[in-house]
Amino acid sequence: MSAQGKPVFDPSGSTFDSFLEEEGILDEVDAVAIKRVIAWQLSEAMKVGHLSKKAMAERIGTSRSQLDRLLDPENSAVHLLTIAKAARAVGKRLHIEMVDAA
């Protein structure tokens, strides 16, 4: 706190992750970032394979609206089974790994 009672910003020793953790949103931000990467990878694989959304939905046995949710980078509420099926449909395999926190 400053002499006027206002918080003093001290960036030394602070990381963006620690800030997000202090705000209680680190897990949510991580999930959205991961989902954005997955959605982008699936979209790119569909382009390379000339696979329409309709054909992709049929391959993974789901509806077009469910596929749209899967490809929506902002929607992190997607089941791992759906992601794994989608990966297999474009010739990929889902690989999830837990690593030590830095």
PDB file of N, CA and C in Angstrom:
ATOM      1  N   MET A   1       0.837  -1.187   0.000  1.00  0.00           N
ATOM      2  CA  MET A   1       0.000   0.000   0.000  1.00  0.00           C
ATOM      3  C   MET A   1       0.878   1.245   0.000  1.00  0.00           C
ATOM      4  N   SER A   2       0.416   2.229  -0.727  1.00  0.00           N
ATOM      5  CA  SER A   2       1.133   3.502  -0.754  1.00  0.00           C
ATOM      6  C   SER A   2       0.755   4.311   0.483  1.00  0.00           C
ATOM      7  N   ALA A   3       1.403   5.438   0.621  1.00  0.00           N
ATOM      8  CA  ALA A   3       1.114   6.313   1.765  1.00  0.00           C
ATOM      9  C   ALA A   3      -0.332   6.801   1.723  1.00  0.00           C
ATOM     10  N   GLN A   4      -0.920   6.815   0.533  1.00  0.00           N
ATOM     11  CA  GLN A   4      -2.314   7.259   0.393  1.00  0.00           C
ATOM     12  C   GLN A   4      -3.292   6.105   0.581  1.00  0.00           C
ATOM     13  N   GLY A   5      -2.794   4.918   0.908  1.00  0.00           N
ATOM     14  CA  GLY A   5      -3.665   3.775   1.139  1.00  0.00           C
ATOM     15  C   GLY A   5      -4.084   3.052  -0.126  1.00  0.00           C
ATOM     16  N   LYS A   6      -3.460   3.373  -1.257  1.00  0.00           N
ATOM     17  CA  LYS A   6      -3.784   2.721  -2.522  1.00  0.00           C
ATOM     18  C   LYS A   6      -2.816   1.567  -2.761  1.00  0.00           C
ATOM     19  N   PRO A   7      -3.285   0.479  -3.407  1.00  0.00           N
ATOM     20  CA  PRO A   7      -2.388  -0.632  -3.699  1.00  0.00           C
ATOM     21  C   PRO A   7      -1.275  -0.193  -4.646  1.00  0.00           C
ATOM     22  N   VAL A   8      -0.097  -0.719  -4.425  1.00  0.00           N
ATOM     23  CA  VAL A   8       1.047  -0.425  -5.275  1.00  0.00           C
ATOM     24  C   VAL A   8       1.275  -1.620  -6.177  1.00  0.00           C
ATOM     25  N   PHE A   9       1.389  -1.368  -7.478  1.00  0.00           N
ATOM     26  CA  PHE A   9       1.639  -2.449  -8.426  1.00  0.00           C
ATOM     27  C   PHE A   9       3.122  -2.779  -8.403  1.00  0.00           C
ATOM     28  N   ASP A  10       3.435  -4.014  -8.107  1.00  0.00           N
ATOM     29  CA  ASP A  10       4.819  -4.470  -8.089  1.00  0.00           C
ATOM     30  C   ASP A  10       4.930  -5.709  -8.962  1.00  0.00           C
ATOM     31  N   PRO A  11       5.371  -5.535 -10.220  1.00  0.00           N
ATOM     32  CA  PRO A  11       5.428  -6.686 -11.130  1.00  0.00           C
ATOM     33  C   PRO A  11       6.572  -7.649 -10.850  1.00  0.00           C
ATOM     34  N   SER A  12       7.518  -7.267 -10.009  1.00  0.00           N
ATOM     35  CA  SER A  12       8.656  -8.150  -9.751  1.00  0.00           C
ATOM     36  C   SER A  12       8.195  -9.406  -9.024  1.00  0.00           C
ATOM     37  N   GLY A  13       8.609 -10.554  -9.543  1.00  0.00           N
ATOM     38  CA  GLY A  13       8.252 -11.823  -8.916  1.00  0.00           C
ATOM     39  C   GLY A  13       6.852 -12.304  -9.240  1.00  0.00           C
ATOM     40  N   SER A  14       6.091 -11.522  -9.975  1.00  0.00           N
ATOM     41  CA  SER A  14       4.733 -11.903 -10.312  1.00  0.00           C
ATOM     42  C   SER A  14       4.696 -12.395 -11.753  1.00  0.00           C
ATOM     43  N   THR A  15       3.908 -13.421 -12.001  1.00  0.00           N
ATOM     44  CA  THR A  15       3.737 -13.920 -13.357  1.00  0.00           C
ATOM     45  C   THR A  15       2.276 -13.777 -13.737  1.00  0.00           C
ATOM     46  N   PHE A  16       2.041 -13.890 -15.031  1.00  0.00           N
ATOM     47  CA  PHE A  16       0.658 -13.816 -15.497  1.00  0.00           C
ATOM     48  C   PHE A  16      -0.147 -14.974 -14.926  1.00  0.00           C
ATOM     49  N   ASP A  17       0.462 -16.165 -14.879  1.00  0.00           N
ATOM     50  CA  ASP A  17      -0.231 -17.319 -14.293  1.00  0.00           C
ATOM     51  C   ASP A  17      -0.579 -17.078 -12.831  1.00  0.00           C
ATOM     52  N   SER A  18       0.338 -16.485 -12.074  1.00  0.00           N
ATOM     53  CA  SER A  18       0.029 -16.239 -10.665  1.00  0.00           C
ATOM     54  C   SER A  18      -1.084 -15.201 -10.529  1.00  0.00           C
ATOM     55  N   PHE A  19      -1.099 -14.216 -11.427  1.00  0.00           N
ATOM     56  CA  PHE A  19      -2.187 -13.240 -11.434  1.00  0.00           C
ATOM     57  C   PHE A  19      -3.522 -13.932 -11.691  1.00  0.00           C
ATOM     58  N   LEU A  20      -3.553 -14.793 -12.739  1.00  0.00           N
ATOM     59  CA  LEU A  20      -4.794 -15.508 -13.059  1.00  0.00           C
ATOM     60  C   LEU A  20      -5.217 -16.401 -11.904  1.00  0.00           C
ATOM     61  N   GLU A  21      -4.254 -17.013 -11.248  1.00  0.00           N
ATOM     62  CA  GLU A  21      -4.565 -17.871 -10.107  1.00  0.00           C
ATOM     63  C   GLU A  21      -5.146 -17.051  -8.953  1.00  0.00           C
ATOM     64  N   GLU A  22      -4.559 -15.890  -8.701  1.00  0.00           N
ATOM     65  CA  GLU A  22      -5.078 -15.005  -7.652  1.00  0.00           C
ATOM     66  C   GLU A  22      -6.504 -14.561  -7.961  1.00  0.00           C
ATOM     67  N   GLU A  23      -6.800 -14.367  -9.237  1.00  0.00           N
ATOM     68  CA  GLU A  23      -8.142 -13.965  -9.654  1.00  0.00           C
ATOM     69  C   GLU A  23      -9.112 -15.144  -9.683  1.00  0.00           C
ATOM     70  N   GLY A  24      -8.591 -16.359  -9.533  1.00  0.00           N
ATOM     71  CA  GLY A  24      -9.432 -17.551  -9.518  1.00  0.00           C
ATOM     72  C   GLY A  24      -9.887 -18.001 -10.893  1.00  0.00           C
ATOM     73  N   ILE A  25      -9.138 -17.623 -11.944  1.00  0.00           N
ATOM     74  CA  ILE A  25      -9.566 -17.963 -13.299  1.00  0.00           C
ATOM     75  C   ILE A  25      -8.504 -18.715 -14.093  1.00  0.00           C
ATOM     76  N   LEU A  26      -7.436 -19.159 -13.461  1.00  0.00           N
ATOM     77  CA  LEU A  26      -6.355 -19.824 -14.183  1.00  0.00           C
ATOM     78  C   LEU A  26      -6.837 -21.075 -14.902  1.00  0.00           C
ATOM     79  N   ASP A  27      -7.594 -21.929 -14.228  1.00  0.00           N
ATOM     80  CA  ASP A  27      -8.069 -23.166 -14.858  1.00  0.00           C
ATOM     81  C   ASP A  27      -8.966 -22.871 -16.056  1.00  0.00           C
ATOM     82  N   GLU A  28      -9.837 -21.889 -15.921  1.00  0.00           N
ATOM     83  CA  GLU A  28     -10.736 -21.527 -17.013  1.00  0.00           C
ATOM     84  C   GLU A  28      -9.961 -20.992 -18.214  1.00  0.00           C
ATOM     85  N   VAL A  29      -8.990 -20.132 -17.968  1.00  0.00           N
ATOM     86  CA  VAL A  29      -8.180 -19.573 -19.050  1.00  0.00           C
ATOM     87  C   VAL A  29      -7.382 -20.678 -19.731  1.00  0.00           C
ATOM     88  N   ASP A  30      -6.811 -21.587 -18.952  1.00  0.00           N
ATOM     89  CA  ASP A  30      -6.078 -22.722 -19.532  1.00  0.00           C
ATOM     90  C   ASP A  30      -6.993 -23.570 -20.404  1.00  0.00           C
ATOM     91  N   ALA A  31      -8.197 -23.856 -19.918  1.00  0.00           N
ATOM     92  CA  ALA A  31      -9.135 -24.692 -20.666  1.00  0.00           C
ATOM     93  C   ALA A  31      -9.516 -24.037 -21.991  1.00  0.00           C
ATOM     94  N   VAL A  32      -9.763 -22.752 -21.978  1.00  0.00           N
ATOM     95  CA  VAL A  32     -10.129 -22.039 -23.205  1.00  0.00           C
ATOM     96  C   VAL A  32      -8.954 -22.040 -24.181  1.00  0.00           C
ATOM     97  N   ALA A  33      -7.743 -21.844 -23.675  1.00  0.00           N
ATOM     98  CA  ALA A  33      -6.565 -21.849 -24.550  1.00  0.00           C
ATOM     99  C   ALA A  33      -6.368 -23.217 -25.200  1.00  0.00           C
ATOM    100  N   ILE A  34      -6.507 -24.266 -24.418  1.00  0.00           N
ATOM    101  CA  ILE A  34      -6.374 -25.622 -24.954  1.00  0.00           C
ATOM    102  C   ILE A  34      -7.457 -25.882 -25.990  1.00  0.00           C
ATOM    103  N   LYS A  35      -8.685 -25.476 -25.687  1.00  0.00           N
ATOM    104  CA  LYS A  35      -9.802 -25.698 -26.608  1.00  0.00           C
ATOM    105  C   LYS A  35      -9.595 -24.942 -27.913  1.00  0.00           C
ATOM    106  N   ARG A  36      -9.037 -23.746 -27.842  1.00  0.00           N
ATOM    107  CA  ARG A  36      -8.774 -22.982 -29.066  1.00  0.00           C
ATOM    108  C   ARG A  36      -7.783 -23.719 -29.957  1.00  0.00           C
ATOM    109  N   VAL A  37      -6.763 -24.287 -29.357  1.00  0.00           N
ATOM    110  CA  VAL A  37      -5.766 -25.032 -30.133  1.00  0.00           C
ATOM    111  C   VAL A  37      -6.404 -26.266 -30.767  1.00  0.00           C
ATOM    112  N   ILE A  38      -7.186 -26.996 -29.990  1.00  0.00           N
ATOM    113  CA  ILE A  38      -7.836 -28.203 -30.511  1.00  0.00           C
ATOM    114  C   ILE A  38      -8.800 -27.854 -31.647  1.00  0.00           C
ATOM    115  N   ALA A  39      -9.597 -26.826 -31.457  1.00  0.00           N
ATOM    116  CA  ALA A  39     -10.548 -26.412 -32.500  1.00  0.00           C
ATOM    117  C   ALA A  39      -9.802 -26.022 -33.773  1.00  0.00           C
ATOM    118  N   TRP A  40      -8.700 -25.297 -33.629  1.00  0.00           N
ATOM    119  CA  TRP A  40      -7.920 -24.889 -34.788  1.00  0.00           C
ATOM    120  C   TRP A  40      -7.313 -26.111 -35.486  1.00  0.00           C
ATOM    121  N   GLN A  41      -6.755 -27.041 -34.707  1.00  0.00           N
ATOM    122  CA  GLN A  41      -6.152 -28.233 -35.293  1.00  0.00           C
ATOM    123  C   GLN A  41      -7.187 -29.070 -36.046  1.00  0.00           C
ATOM    124  N   LEU A  42      -8.370 -29.225 -35.465  1.00  0.00           N
ATOM    125  CA  LEU A  42      -9.421 -29.986 -36.142  1.00  0.00           C
ATOM    126  C   LEU A  42      -9.866 -29.289 -37.424  1.00  0.00           C
ATOM    127  N   SER A  43     -10.038 -27.987 -37.361  1.00  0.00           N
ATOM    128  CA  SER A  43     -10.449 -27.229 -38.549  1.00  0.00           C
ATOM    129  C   SER A  43      -9.414 -27.360 -39.659  1.00  0.00           C
ATOM    130  N   GLU A  44      -8.150 -27.260 -39.304  1.00  0.00           N
ATOM    131  CA  GLU A  44      -7.082 -27.386 -40.296  1.00  0.00           C
ATOM    132  C   GLU A  44      -7.051 -28.795 -40.894  1.00  0.00           C
ATOM    133  N   ALA A  45      -7.205 -29.814 -40.053  1.00  0.00           N
ATOM    134  CA  ALA A  45      -7.211 -31.195 -40.548  1.00  0.00           C
ATOM    135  C   ALA A  45      -8.401 -31.441 -41.471  1.00  0.00           C
ATOM    136  N   MET A  46      -9.541 -30.829 -41.166  1.00  0.00           N
ATOM    137  CA  MET A  46     -10.710 -30.961 -42.034  1.00  0.00           C
ATOM    138  C   MET A  46     -10.446 -30.298 -43.384  1.00  0.00           C
ATOM    139  N   LYS A  47      -9.781 -29.130 -43.371  1.00  0.00           N
ATOM    140  CA  LYS A  47      -9.454 -28.451 -44.635  1.00  0.00           C
ATOM    141  C   LYS A  47      -8.514 -29.308 -45.476  1.00  0.00           C
ATOM    142  N   VAL A  48      -7.471 -29.820 -44.850  1.00  0.00           N
ATOM    143  CA  VAL A  48      -6.494 -30.641 -45.569  1.00  0.00           C
ATOM    144  C   VAL A  48      -7.168 -31.871 -46.175  1.00  0.00           C
ATOM    145  N   GLY A  49      -8.088 -32.470 -45.411  1.00  0.00           N
ATOM    146  CA  GLY A  49      -8.783 -33.660 -45.894  1.00  0.00           C
ATOM    147  C   GLY A  49     -10.012 -33.370 -46.733  1.00  0.00           C
ATOM    148  N   HIS A  50     -10.253 -32.083 -47.036  1.00  0.00           N
ATOM    149  CA  HIS A  50     -11.432 -31.673 -47.812  1.00  0.00           C
ATOM    150  C   HIS A  50     -12.700 -32.290 -47.219  1.00  0.00           C
ATOM    151  N   LEU A  51     -12.836 -32.148 -45.915  1.00  0.00           N
ATOM    152  CA  LEU A  51     -13.941 -32.751 -45.175  1.00  0.00           C
ATOM    153  C   LEU A  51     -14.919 -31.670 -44.744  1.00  0.00           C
ATOM    154  N   SER A  52     -16.155 -31.769 -45.195  1.00  0.00           N
ATOM    155  CA  SER A  52     -17.178 -30.791 -44.821  1.00  0.00           C
ATOM    156  C   SER A  52     -17.629 -31.041 -43.382  1.00  0.00           C
ATOM    157  N   LYS A  53     -18.298 -30.052 -42.819  1.00  0.00           N
ATOM    158  CA  LYS A  53     -18.832 -30.228 -41.466  1.00  0.00           C
ATOM    159  C   LYS A  53     -19.855 -31.360 -41.422  1.00  0.00           C
ATOM    160  N   LYS A  54     -20.660 -31.455 -42.458  1.00  0.00           N
ATOM    161  CA  LYS A  54     -21.672 -32.513 -42.499  1.00  0.00           C
ATOM    162  C   LYS A  54     -20.998 -33.885 -42.514  1.00  0.00           C
ATOM    163  N   ALA A  55     -19.983 -34.045 -43.361  1.00  0.00           N
ATOM    164  CA  ALA A  55     -19.276 -35.327 -43.444  1.00  0.00           C
ATOM    165  C   ALA A  55     -18.541 -35.634 -42.139  1.00  0.00           C
ATOM    166  N   MET A  56     -17.949 -34.610 -41.536  1.00  0.00           N
ATOM    167  CA  MET A  56     -17.235 -34.796 -40.269  1.00  0.00           C
ATOM    168  C   MET A  56     -18.200 -35.234 -39.176  1.00  0.00           C
ATOM    169  N   ALA A  57     -19.353 -34.586 -39.098  1.00  0.00           N
ATOM    170  CA  ALA A  57     -20.357 -34.951 -38.094  1.00  0.00           C
ATOM    171  C   ALA A  57     -20.790 -36.402 -38.280  1.00  0.00           C
ATOM    172  N   GLU A  58     -20.964 -36.815 -39.517  1.00  0.00           N
ATOM    173  CA  GLU A  58     -21.349 -38.203 -39.794  1.00  0.00           C
ATOM    174  C   GLU A  58     -20.249 -39.172 -39.366  1.00  0.00           C
ATOM    175  N   ARG A  59     -18.995 -38.815 -39.640  1.00  0.00           N
ATOM    176  CA  ARG A  59     -17.874 -39.683 -39.278  1.00  0.00           C
ATOM    177  C   ARG A  59     -17.777 -39.921 -37.775  1.00  0.00           C
ATOM    178  N   ILE A  60     -18.089 -38.896 -36.995  1.00  0.00           N
ATOM    179  CA  ILE A  60     -17.958 -39.061 -35.545  1.00  0.00           C
ATOM    180  C   ILE A  60     -19.286 -39.395 -34.872  1.00  0.00           C
ATOM    181  N   GLY A  61     -20.308 -39.549 -35.683  1.00  0.00           N
ATOM    182  CA  GLY A  61     -21.598 -39.975 -35.149  1.00  0.00           C
ATOM    183  C   GLY A  61     -22.270 -38.951 -34.267  1.00  0.00           C
ATOM    184  N   THR A  62     -22.246 -37.698 -34.715  1.00  0.00           N
ATOM    185  CA  THR A  62     -22.864 -36.636 -33.932  1.00  0.00           C
ATOM    186  C   THR A  62     -23.620 -35.696 -34.869  1.00  0.00           C
ATOM    187  N   SER A  63     -24.258 -34.713 -34.292  1.00  0.00           N
ATOM    188  CA  SER A  63     -25.017 -33.737 -35.076  1.00  0.00           C
ATOM    189  C   SER A  63     -24.102 -32.607 -35.543  1.00  0.00           C
ATOM    190  N   ARG A  64     -24.576 -31.898 -36.533  1.00  0.00           N
ATOM    191  CA  ARG A  64     -23.828 -30.746 -37.031  1.00  0.00           C
ATOM    192  C   ARG A  64     -23.710 -29.684 -35.936  1.00  0.00           C
ATOM    193  N   SER A  65     -24.753 -29.508 -35.122  1.00  0.00           N
ATOM    194  CA  SER A  65     -24.691 -28.503 -34.057  1.00  0.00           C
ATOM    195  C   SER A  65     -23.663 -28.886 -32.990  1.00  0.00           C
ATOM    196  N   GLN A  66     -23.546 -30.190 -32.700  1.00  0.00           N
ATOM    197  CA  GLN A  66     -22.531 -30.637 -31.741  1.00  0.00           C
ATOM    198  C   GLN A  66     -21.138 -30.402 -32.323  1.00  0.00           C
ATOM    199  N   LEU A  67     -20.974 -30.644 -33.611  1.00  0.00           N
ATOM    200  CA  LEU A  67     -19.690 -30.390 -34.254  1.00  0.00           C
ATOM    201  C   LEU A  67     -19.357 -28.902 -34.206  1.00  0.00           C
ATOM    202  N   ASP A  68     -20.356 -28.053 -34.421  1.00  0.00           N
ATOM    203  CA  ASP A  68     -20.127 -26.604 -34.324  1.00  0.00           C
ATOM    204  C   ASP A  68     -19.637 -26.222 -32.934  1.00  0.00           C
ATOM    205  N   ARG A  69     -20.183 -26.845 -31.886  1.00  0.00           N
ATOM    206  CA  ARG A  69     -19.718 -26.582 -30.522  1.00  0.00           C
ATOM    207  C   ARG A  69     -18.274 -27.056 -30.349  1.00  0.00           C
ATOM    208  N   LEU A  70     -17.960 -28.188 -30.945  1.00  0.00           N
ATOM    209  CA  LEU A  70     -16.610 -28.721 -30.867  1.00  0.00           C
ATOM    210  C   LEU A  70     -15.612 -27.779 -31.546  1.00  0.00           C
ATOM    211  N   LEU A  71     -15.998 -27.215 -32.673  1.00  0.00           N
ATOM    212  CA  LEU A  71     -15.115 -26.329 -33.430  1.00  0.00           C
ATOM    213  C   LEU A  71     -15.137 -24.887 -32.926  1.00  0.00           C
ATOM    214  N   ASP A  72     -16.019 -24.569 -31.997  1.00  0.00           N
ATOM    215  CA  ASP A  72     -16.109 -23.224 -31.426  1.00  0.00           C
ATOM    216  C   ASP A  72     -14.969 -23.036 -30.424  1.00  0.00           C
ATOM    217  N   PRO A  73     -14.003 -22.167 -30.723  1.00  0.00           N
ATOM    218  CA  PRO A  73     -12.859 -22.011 -29.826  1.00  0.00           C
ATOM    219  C   PRO A  73     -13.228 -21.483 -28.442  1.00  0.00           C
ATOM    220  N   GLU A  74     -14.365 -20.847 -28.308  1.00  0.00           N
ATOM    221  CA  GLU A  74     -14.773 -20.290 -27.016  1.00  0.00           C
ATOM    222  C   GLU A  74     -15.506 -21.301 -26.131  1.00  0.00           C
ATOM    223  N   ASN A  75     -15.965 -22.394 -26.706  1.00  0.00           N
ATOM    224  CA  ASN A  75     -16.744 -23.383 -25.954  1.00  0.00           C
ATOM    225  C   ASN A  75     -15.810 -24.459 -25.411  1.00  0.00           C
ATOM    226  N   SER A  76     -15.491 -24.383 -24.130  1.00  0.00           N
ATOM    227  CA  SER A  76     -14.577 -25.359 -23.537  1.00  0.00           C
ATOM    228  C   SER A  76     -15.326 -26.543 -22.920  1.00  0.00           C
ATOM    229  N   ALA A  77     -16.642 -26.540 -22.990  1.00  0.00           N
ATOM    230  CA  ALA A  77     -17.451 -27.611 -22.401  1.00  0.00           C
ATOM    231  C   ALA A  77     -17.731 -28.694 -23.434  1.00  0.00           C
ATOM    232  N   VAL A  78     -16.682 -29.415 -23.817  1.00  0.00           N
ATOM    233  CA  VAL A  78     -16.806 -30.493 -24.779  1.00  0.00           C
ATOM    234  C   VAL A  78     -16.207 -31.741 -24.154  1.00  0.00           C
ATOM    235  N   HIS A  79     -16.862 -32.868 -24.339  1.00  0.00           N
ATOM    236  CA  HIS A  79     -16.384 -34.113 -23.740  1.00  0.00           C
ATOM    237  C   HIS A  79     -15.128 -34.619 -24.429  1.00  0.00           C
ATOM    238  N   LEU A  80     -14.260 -35.230 -23.654  1.00  0.00           N
ATOM    239  CA  LEU A  80     -13.036 -35.796 -24.215  1.00  0.00           C
ATOM    240  C   LEU A  80     -13.335 -36.873 -25.248  1.00  0.00           C
ATOM    241  N   LEU A  81     -14.397 -37.639 -25.043  1.00  0.00           N
ATOM    242  CA  LEU A  81     -14.759 -38.677 -25.998  1.00  0.00           C
ATOM    243  C   LEU A  81     -15.065 -38.066 -27.365  1.00  0.00           C
ATOM    244  N   THR A  82     -15.756 -36.953 -27.380  1.00  0.00           N
ATOM    245  CA  THR A  82     -16.079 -36.283 -28.638  1.00  0.00           C
ATOM    246  C   THR A  82     -14.803 -35.796 -29.321  1.00  0.00           C
ATOM    247  N   ILE A  83     -13.889 -35.227 -28.552  1.00  0.00           N
ATOM    248  CA  ILE A  83     -12.624 -34.756 -29.123  1.00  0.00           C
ATOM    249  C   ILE A  83     -11.819 -35.932 -29.667  1.00  0.00           C
ATOM    250  N   ALA A  84     -11.790 -37.033 -28.932  1.00  0.00           N
ATOM    251  CA  ALA A  84     -11.051 -38.219 -29.380  1.00  0.00           C
ATOM    252  C   ALA A  84     -11.643 -38.783 -30.669  1.00  0.00           C
ATOM    253  N   LYS A  85     -12.965 -38.841 -30.762  1.00  0.00           N
ATOM    254  CA  LYS A  85     -13.620 -39.318 -31.986  1.00  0.00           C
ATOM    255  C   LYS A  85     -13.304 -38.399 -33.164  1.00  0.00           C
ATOM    256  N   ALA A  86     -13.332 -37.100 -32.918  1.00  0.00           N
ATOM    257  CA  ALA A  86     -13.047 -36.137 -33.981  1.00  0.00           C
ATOM    258  C   ALA A  86     -11.600 -36.270 -34.446  1.00  0.00           C
ATOM    259  N   ALA A  87     -10.691 -36.448 -33.520  1.00  0.00           N
ATOM    260  CA  ALA A  87      -9.284 -36.627 -33.888  1.00  0.00           C
ATOM    261  C   ALA A  87      -9.112 -37.861 -34.757  1.00  0.00           C
ATOM    262  N   ARG A  88      -9.734 -38.954 -34.369  1.00  0.00           N
ATOM    263  CA  ARG A  88      -9.632 -40.197 -35.134  1.00  0.00           C
ATOM    264  C   ARG A  88     -10.243 -40.020 -36.532  1.00  0.00           C
ATOM    265  N   ALA A  89     -11.308 -39.239 -36.633  1.00  0.00           N
ATOM    266  CA  ALA A  89     -11.991 -39.035 -37.921  1.00  0.00           C
ATOM    267  C   ALA A  89     -11.120 -38.309 -38.939  1.00  0.00           C
ATOM    268  N   VAL A  90     -10.137 -37.545 -38.449  1.00  0.00           N
ATOM    269  CA  VAL A  90      -9.234 -36.837 -39.362  1.00  0.00           C
ATOM    270  C   VAL A  90      -7.834 -37.463 -39.355  1.00  0.00           C
ATOM    271  N   GLY A  91      -7.760 -38.705 -38.893  1.00  0.00           N
ATOM    272  CA  GLY A  91      -6.493 -39.427 -38.921  1.00  0.00           C
ATOM    273  C   GLY A  91      -5.513 -39.030 -37.841  1.00  0.00           C
ATOM    274  N   LYS A  92      -6.019 -38.499 -36.748  1.00  0.00           N
ATOM    275  CA  LYS A  92      -5.169 -38.068 -35.630  1.00  0.00           C
ATOM    276  C   LYS A  92      -5.528 -38.881 -34.394  1.00  0.00           C
ATOM    277  N   ARG A  93      -4.739 -38.684 -33.346  1.00  0.00           N
ATOM    278  CA  ARG A  93      -4.985 -39.336 -32.070  1.00  0.00           C
ATOM    279  C   ARG A  93      -4.879 -38.278 -30.988  1.00  0.00           C
ATOM    280  N   LEU A  94      -5.793 -38.289 -30.044  1.00  0.00           N
ATOM    281  CA  LEU A  94      -5.756 -37.337 -28.932  1.00  0.00           C
ATOM    282  C   LEU A  94      -4.717 -37.800 -27.925  1.00  0.00           C
ATOM    283  N   HIS A  95      -3.854 -36.892 -27.519  1.00  0.00           N
ATOM    284  CA  HIS A  95      -2.816 -37.192 -26.534  1.00  0.00           C
ATOM    285  C   HIS A  95      -2.915 -36.135 -25.438  1.00  0.00           C
ATOM    286  N   ILE A  96      -3.225 -36.576 -24.225  1.00  0.00           N
ATOM    287  CA  ILE A  96      -3.337 -35.657 -23.090  1.00  0.00           C
ATOM    288  C   ILE A  96      -2.265 -36.030 -22.086  1.00  0.00           C
ATOM    289  N   GLU A  97      -1.597 -35.019 -21.562  1.00  0.00           N
ATOM    290  CA  GLU A  97      -0.500 -35.271 -20.646  1.00  0.00           C
ATOM    291  C   GLU A  97      -0.568 -34.272 -19.498  1.00  0.00           C
ATOM    292  N   MET A  98      -0.383 -34.751 -18.295  1.00  0.00           N
ATOM    293  CA  MET A  98      -0.278 -33.860 -17.145  1.00  0.00           C
ATOM    294  C   MET A  98       1.211 -33.625 -16.884  1.00  0.00           C
ATOM    295  N   VAL A  99       1.563 -32.365 -16.666  1.00  0.00           N
ATOM    296  CA  VAL A  99       2.953 -32.015 -16.404  1.00  0.00           C
ATOM    297  C   VAL A  99       3.032 -31.254 -15.084  1.00  0.00           C
ATOM    298  N   ASP A 100       4.217 -31.249 -14.508  1.00  0.00           N
ATOM    299  CA  ASP A 100       4.416 -30.512 -13.262  1.00  0.00           C
ATOM    300  C   ASP A 100       4.185 -29.032 -13.499  1.00  0.00           C
ATOM    301  N   ALA A 101       3.555 -28.380 -12.550  1.00  0.00           N
ATOM    302  CA  ALA A 101       3.346 -26.936 -12.630  1.00  0.00           C
ATOM    303  C   ALA A 101       4.696 -26.261 -12.438  1.00  0.00           C
ATOM    304  N   ALA A 102       4.900 -25.228 -13.199  1.00  0.00           N
ATOM    305  CA  ALA A 102       6.187 -24.510 -13.125  1.00  0.00           C
ATOM    306  C   ALA A 102       6.260 -23.651 -11.894  1.00  0.00           C
TER     307      ALA A 102
END
